[in-house]
Protein backbone atom coordinates (compact mmCIF):
# COMPACT_ATOMS: atom_id res chain seq x y z
CA MET A 1 87.83 90.79 74.10
CA MET A 2 91.22 90.13 75.62
CA THR A 3 94.17 88.07 74.48
CA ILE A 4 96.21 85.71 76.61
CA LYS A 5 99.46 83.85 76.04
CA VAL A 6 100.89 81.49 78.63
CA TYR A 7 104.63 81.05 78.89
CA ALA A 8 107.27 79.99 81.41
CA VAL A 9 110.65 81.62 82.05
CA ASN A 10 113.44 79.70 83.76
CA ARG A 11 116.26 81.14 85.89
CA GLU A 12 118.50 81.58 82.87
CA GLY A 13 115.84 83.68 81.13
CA ASP A 14 114.87 81.07 78.56
CA VAL A 15 111.22 81.42 77.51
CA ARG A 16 109.01 78.44 76.69
CA VAL A 17 105.50 78.97 75.31
CA LEU A 18 102.94 76.78 77.07
CA ARG A 19 99.88 78.08 75.18
CA GLU A 20 99.89 80.25 72.08
CA ARG A 21 98.11 83.61 72.00
CA ALA A 22 94.33 83.26 72.02
CA GLU A 23 91.33 85.57 72.36
CA VAL A 24 89.28 85.16 75.53
CA VAL A 25 86.20 86.78 77.02
CA PRO A 26 86.90 88.08 80.54
CA LEU A 27 84.58 87.01 83.35
CA ASP A 28 82.83 89.59 85.51
CA GLU A 29 83.39 87.41 88.59
CA PRO A 30 85.40 84.15 88.55
CA ASP A 31 83.72 80.93 89.66
CA THR A 32 84.58 79.97 93.23
CA SER A 33 86.16 76.77 91.90
CA GLN A 34 88.73 78.91 90.02
CA ARG A 35 89.86 80.92 93.06
CA LEU A 36 93.07 80.07 94.86
CA PRO A 37 92.85 78.95 98.48
CA ALA A 38 93.82 81.38 101.23
CA CYS A 39 97.55 81.58 101.93
CA GLY A 40 98.67 79.37 104.80
CA CYS A 41 102.12 80.85 105.47
CA PRO A 42 102.82 81.92 109.09
CA ARG A 43 102.72 85.63 108.24
CA CYS A 44 99.32 85.41 106.56
CA ALA A 45 97.93 82.92 109.08
CA GLU A 46 98.44 85.31 112.02
CA PRO A 47 95.32 87.34 112.62
CA GLU A 48 95.81 91.07 112.30
CA PRO A 49 95.53 92.90 115.60
CA GLU A 50 92.25 94.74 115.92
CA PRO A 51 92.64 98.50 116.02
CA GLU A 52 92.07 100.03 119.41
CA PRO A 53 88.89 102.08 119.65
CA GLU A 54 89.39 105.82 119.57
CA PRO A 55 88.52 107.59 122.82
CA GLU A 56 85.32 109.55 122.75
CA PRO A 57 85.82 113.32 122.83
CA VAL A 58 85.13 115.01 126.15
CA GLN A 59 82.49 117.72 125.97
């Protein structure tokens, strides 16, 4: 079992509890409906350059 408590902190450091502490059972693998979409920012949207293949050793 795990416990979870949801709270928000503003810029001044004030804390507001959104959900009190509760016991939860962790999932082995989250449902696909619970996953966040892929990031769409320009840095993440650029494909990573493919690594250049290593030259084969000369025998």
